[in-house]
Protein backbone atom coordinates (compact mmCIF):
# COMPACT_ATOMS: atom_id res chain seq x y z
CA UNK A 1 0.06 0.11 -0.04
CA UNK A 2 1.60 3.73 -0.80
CA UNK A 3 1.04 6.10 0.96
CA UNK A 4 -2.15 7.65 -0.01
CA UNK A 5 -3.49 4.41 0.95
CA UNK A 6 -1.57 4.29 4.35
CA UNK A 7 -3.17 8.20 4.77
CA UNK A 8 -6.86 6.83 4.26
CA UNK A 9 -5.92 3.66 6.37
CA UNK A 10 -5.50 5.60 9.06
CA UNK A 11 -1.59 4.95 9.37
CA UNK A 12 -0.62 8.82 8.92
CA UNK A 13 -2.77 9.57 12.31
CA UNK A 14 -0.50 6.83 14.34
CA UNK A 15 2.79 8.61 12.64
CA UNK A 16 2.99 12.20 12.65
CA UNK A 17 1.04 14.73 15.58
CA UNK A 18 1.53 18.42 15.54
CA UNK A 19 0.34 20.87 13.49
CA UNK A 20 1.04 19.21 10.05
CA UNK A 21 -1.24 16.20 11.15
CA UNK A 22 -4.05 18.56 12.76
CA UNK A 23 -4.09 20.11 8.90
CA UNK A 24 -4.39 16.86 7.36
CA UNK A 25 -7.28 15.36 9.84
CA UNK A 26 -9.31 18.44 9.61
CA UNK A 27 -9.14 18.27 5.21
CA UNK A 28 -10.21 14.48 5.84
CA UNK A 29 -12.24 14.57 8.64
CA UNK A 30 -10.40 13.00 11.01
CA UNK A 31 -8.48 13.33 14.50
CA UNK A 32 -4.83 13.77 13.83
CA UNK A 33 -3.38 15.74 15.78
CA UNK A 34 -3.17 13.20 19.20
CA UNK A 35 0.08 11.36 16.65
CA UNK A 36 3.09 10.90 17.75
CA UNK A 37 5.30 13.89 17.67
CA UNK A 38 7.73 13.85 14.88
CA UNK A 39 10.59 11.88 16.71
CA UNK A 40 8.85 9.23 17.08
CA UNK A 41 9.03 5.47 15.47
CA UNK A 42 7.53 4.87 11.73
CA UNK A 43 5.67 1.57 12.64
CA UNK A 44 3.14 0.92 9.96
CA UNK A 45 4.34 3.89 7.61
CA UNK A 46 7.64 3.68 6.27
CA UNK A 47 9.72 6.82 6.32
CA UNK A 48 9.84 7.03 2.45
CA UNK A 49 5.74 7.43 3.08
CA UNK A 50 6.15 9.31 5.89
CA UNK A 51 8.11 12.14 3.83
CA UNK A 52 5.52 12.18 0.89
CA UNK A 53 2.67 12.30 2.82
CA UNK A 54 3.87 15.50 4.85
CA UNK A 55 5.47 17.24 1.04
CA UNK A 56 1.73 16.68 -0.03
CA UNK A 57 0.24 18.08 3.43
CA UNK A 58 2.61 21.18 3.62
CA UNK A 59 2.79 21.96 -0.17
CA UNK A 60 -0.85 22.24 -0.66
CA UNK A 61 -1.34 23.87 1.71
CA UNK A 62 1.58 26.88 1.87
CA UNK A 63 0.34 26.94 -1.38
CA UNK A 64 -3.71 28.10 -0.52
CA UNK A 65 -1.40 30.61 2.21
CA UNK A 66 1.01 32.15 -0.73
CA UNK A 67 -2.11 32.49 -3.28
CA UNK A 68 -3.78 35.12 -0.51
CA UNK A 69 -0.97 36.62 0.82
CA UNK A 70 -1.52 39.52 -1.43
CA UNK A 71 -5.47 39.77 -0.06
CA UNK A 72 -7.37 37.72 -2.37
CA UNK A 73 -6.76 34.32 -4.38
CA UNK A 74 -6.83 35.09 -8.32
CA UNK A 75 -8.69 32.42 -10.67
CA UNK A 76 -5.26 32.30 -12.09
CA UNK A 77 -4.02 30.77 -9.30
CA UNK A 78 -6.59 28.62 -8.75
CA UNK A 79 -6.14 27.70 -11.97
CA UNK A 80 -2.41 27.18 -11.48
CA UNK A 81 -3.22 24.86 -8.51
CA UNK A 82 -5.20 23.16 -10.35
CA UNK A 83 -2.52 22.63 -13.38
CA UNK A 84 -0.24 21.30 -10.78
CA UNK A 85 -2.91 18.21 -9.34
CA UNK A 86 -3.57 17.62 -13.07
CA UNK A 87 0.18 17.07 -13.43
CA UNK A 88 0.19 15.15 -10.59
CA UNK A 89 -2.17 12.40 -12.24
CA UNK A 90 -4.04 12.76 -9.22
CA UNK A 91 -7.44 11.00 -8.43
CA UNK A 92 -10.40 12.69 -7.98
CA UNK A 93 -10.09 12.00 -3.99
CA UNK A 94 -6.45 13.13 -3.42
CA UNK A 95 -7.86 16.32 -5.77
CA UNK A 96 -9.83 16.43 -3.11
CA UNK A 97 -7.77 16.30 -0.07
CA UNK A 98 -5.55 18.93 -2.02
CA UNK A 99 -8.33 21.24 -2.49
CA UNK A 100 -9.41 21.23 1.39
CA UNK A 101 -5.31 21.78 1.88
CA UNK A 102 -5.27 24.98 -0.22
CA UNK A 103 -8.06 26.08 1.07
CA UNK A 104 -7.12 25.81 4.64
CA UNK A 105 -3.99 27.64 3.80
CA UNK A 106 -5.81 30.46 3.16
CA UNK A 107 -7.55 30.62 6.26
CA UNK A 108 -6.39 33.65 8.37
CA UNK A 109 -5.53 31.14 11.36
CA UNK A 110 -3.11 29.12 9.41
CA UNK A 111 -0.44 28.35 11.60
CA UNK A 112 2.00 28.86 8.63
CA UNK A 113 5.03 29.36 11.32
CA UNK A 114 4.62 26.18 12.65
CA UNK A 115 3.41 24.13 9.73
CA UNK A 116 6.62 25.16 8.15
CA UNK A 117 8.99 24.53 11.34
CA UNK A 118 7.65 21.24 11.80
CA UNK A 119 7.89 20.21 7.63
CA UNK A 120 11.64 21.30 8.14
CA UNK A 121 11.97 19.16 11.29
CA UNK A 122 10.60 16.09 9.16
CA UNK A 123 12.53 16.77 6.15
CA UNK A 124 15.69 17.06 7.79
CA UNK A 125 18.67 17.68 5.17
CA UNK A 126 17.43 16.93 2.24
CA UNK A 127 17.84 20.06 0.16
CA UNK A 128 16.91 19.46 -3.36
CA UNK A 129 13.40 18.15 -2.11
CA UNK A 130 13.10 21.45 -0.07
CA UNK A 131 14.08 23.10 -2.92
CA UNK A 132 11.43 21.50 -5.06
CA UNK A 133 8.68 22.89 -2.51
CA UNK A 134 10.01 25.86 -2.46
CA UNK A 135 9.45 26.29 -6.99
CA UNK A 136 6.42 25.12 -6.53
CA UNK A 137 5.33 27.83 -4.00
CA UNK A 138 7.28 30.43 -6.36
CA UNK A 139 4.91 28.93 -9.18
CA UNK A 140 2.11 29.89 -7.33
CA UNK A 141 3.51 33.07 -6.78
CA UNK A 142 3.54 33.65 -10.22
CA UNK A 143 0.52 32.74 -11.29
CA UNK A 144 -1.49 35.51 -11.99
CA UNK A 145 1.60 36.81 -13.76
CA UNK A 146 3.69 38.92 -10.49
CA UNK A 147 5.24 38.14 -7.55
CA UNK A 148 3.28 40.83 -5.21
CA UNK A 149 5.24 41.96 -2.53
CA UNK A 150 3.30 40.44 -0.07
CA UNK A 151 3.82 37.21 -1.43
CA UNK A 152 7.78 37.78 -1.62
CA UNK A 153 8.13 38.39 1.40
CA UNK A 154 6.20 35.31 2.86
CA UNK A 155 8.22 33.38 0.93
CA UNK A 156 11.79 34.68 1.99
CA UNK A 157 10.54 33.91 5.68
CA UNK A 158 9.74 30.37 4.46
CA UNK A 159 13.32 30.77 2.79
CA UNK A 160 14.97 31.83 5.90
CA UNK A 161 13.76 28.78 8.08
CA UNK A 162 14.74 26.37 5.38
CA UNK A 163 17.88 27.74 5.47
CA UNK A 164 17.48 28.74 1.46
CA UNK A 165 19.78 31.84 0.89
CA UNK A 166 18.09 34.90 -0.52
CA UNK A 167 20.59 34.37 -3.67
CA UNK A 168 19.20 31.31 -4.24
CA UNK A 169 15.95 31.98 -3.83
CA UNK A 170 16.80 34.74 -6.22
CA UNK A 171 18.03 33.16 -8.61
CA UNK A 172 14.41 30.58 -8.66
CA UNK A 173 12.35 33.47 -8.99
CA UNK A 174 14.56 35.14 -11.85
CA UNK A 175 14.14 31.11 -13.54
CA UNK A 176 10.86 30.05 -12.61
CA UNK A 177 9.36 34.32 -13.86
CA UNK A 178 11.02 34.59 -16.69
CA UNK A 179 10.01 31.10 -17.81
CA UNK A 180 6.57 32.13 -16.77
CA UNK A 181 7.09 35.07 -19.16
CA UNK A 182 7.73 33.64 -21.98
CA UNK A 183 5.66 33.02 -24.47
CA UNK A 184 7.04 34.18 -27.53
CA UNK A 185 7.29 30.65 -29.10
CA UNK A 186 4.68 27.47 -28.47
CA UNK A 187 7.68 25.48 -26.94
CA UNK A 188 8.42 28.60 -24.42
CA UNK A 189 12.30 28.27 -25.52
CA UNK A 190 13.96 30.17 -23.40
CA UNK A 191 15.43 33.45 -25.28
CA UNK A 192 19.34 33.76 -24.26
CA UNK A 193 18.70 36.12 -21.26
CA UNK A 194 16.66 33.57 -20.08
CA UNK A 195 18.49 31.18 -20.42
CA UNK A 196 21.61 32.74 -18.56
CA UNK A 197 19.02 33.19 -15.72
CA UNK A 198 17.81 30.27 -15.52
CA UNK A 199 21.33 28.75 -15.04
CA UNK A 200 22.01 30.96 -13.01
CA UNK A 201 24.94 32.35 -14.55
CA UNK A 202 26.10 36.10 -15.76
CA UNK A 203 26.63 36.40 -19.85
CA UNK A 204 30.96 36.41 -19.39
CA UNK A 205 30.59 32.59 -17.93
CA UNK A 206 32.95 30.37 -20.04
CA UNK A 207 32.29 27.07 -20.89
CA UNK A 208 33.67 25.26 -18.30
CA UNK A 209 31.46 27.45 -15.72
CA UNK A 210 28.19 26.70 -17.86
CA UNK A 211 28.82 23.07 -18.02
CA UNK A 212 29.13 23.17 -14.34
CA UNK A 213 26.34 25.23 -13.46
CA UNK A 214 24.07 22.82 -16.16
CA UNK A 215 25.34 19.59 -14.63
CA UNK A 216 24.39 20.63 -10.90
CA UNK A 217 21.15 21.84 -11.55
CA UNK A 218 20.18 18.32 -13.80
CA UNK A 219 21.41 16.88 -10.50
CA UNK A 220 19.01 18.88 -7.82
CA UNK A 221 16.47 17.92 -10.36
CA UNK A 222 16.63 14.40 -11.59
CA UNK A 223 12.91 13.23 -10.71
CA UNK A 224 14.15 9.88 -9.55
CA UNK A 225 16.62 10.90 -6.97
CA UNK A 226 14.32 13.69 -5.78
CA UNK A 227 11.57 10.99 -5.59
CA UNK A 228 14.40 8.85 -3.61
CA UNK A 229 14.53 11.60 -1.40
CA UNK A 230 10.74 11.96 -0.21
CA UNK A 231 8.86 13.90 -3.46
CA UNK A 232 5.69 11.76 -3.76
CA UNK A 233 5.89 10.13 -7.35
CA UNK A 234 3.03 12.04 -8.88
CA UNK A 235 4.86 15.07 -8.64
CA UNK A 236 7.98 13.51 -11.21
CA UNK A 237 5.99 15.28 -14.22
CA UNK A 238 7.21 18.47 -12.03
CA UNK A 239 10.16 17.73 -11.92
CA UNK A 240 11.06 16.75 -15.25
CA UNK A 241 9.31 19.83 -16.44
CA UNK A 242 12.34 21.82 -14.75
CA UNK A 243 14.84 19.38 -15.57
CA UNK A 244 13.86 19.99 -19.06
CA UNK A 245 13.66 23.94 -19.00
CA UNK A 246 16.96 23.50 -17.81
CA UNK A 247 18.34 21.26 -20.62
CA UNK A 248 16.41 23.85 -23.01
CA UNK A 249 18.71 26.91 -21.88
CA UNK A 250 21.69 24.79 -21.52
CA UNK A 251 21.02 24.45 -25.50
CA UNK A 252 19.98 27.71 -26.28
CA UNK A 253 24.02 29.10 -24.53
CA UNK A 254 25.68 26.16 -25.98
CA UNK A 255 24.03 27.12 -29.62
CA UNK A 256 24.97 30.77 -28.54
CA UNK A 257 29.00 30.45 -27.99
CA UNK A 258 29.19 27.67 -30.15
CA UNK A 259 30.82 25.14 -28.36
């Protein structure tokens, strides 16, 4: 039985208490907040399934909170949330729960600080997985075409808790914001300026620097590696899409430099 089946079977309630347990319990209509604390053992649910459940729960609830940060949730932001669900090939039951989590995150009483602290504690040292989480939140912020100041402030606060540097945050914003705004071709192939932003490089970068940046980013976003670290398998398409964007950017720079 996978992580989702374990949730429905009640194993999650035996495993995780705290604000994340209460949050998922509210979405599923169960009382999970009496579960064990974050240092508890993993009887009934493997570590991988536990991390997948935490990632899923935190991702969609924080997404709702980010989208509401500027005071309202736009139709574009709702569409983005549904697009991510569709990309994940989630069944109707999973989508319904994700929407409930999204709506929980919109509430003024949503305990964002407690949620993100527990998420960090549970995820531990999985920097690529944490980066993927932040990338999804940045995607949500850009869904209506612009990242509002309140959204930016919230995301920076999340990054501070998750130990993501301001430079890394700015790089992710440049990468995702640039790809989001690129509508020049049907394949969304980046222009040269966007390609350098995707690889976190300046136009003065030499061939060796370009190749190093490319290898580093491909390794960080490799879908199989992320799933091994706890990314729900349903989210592999999102990771694959990011690797596709990185490869496209590399090809643009490679062609421009002629190597």
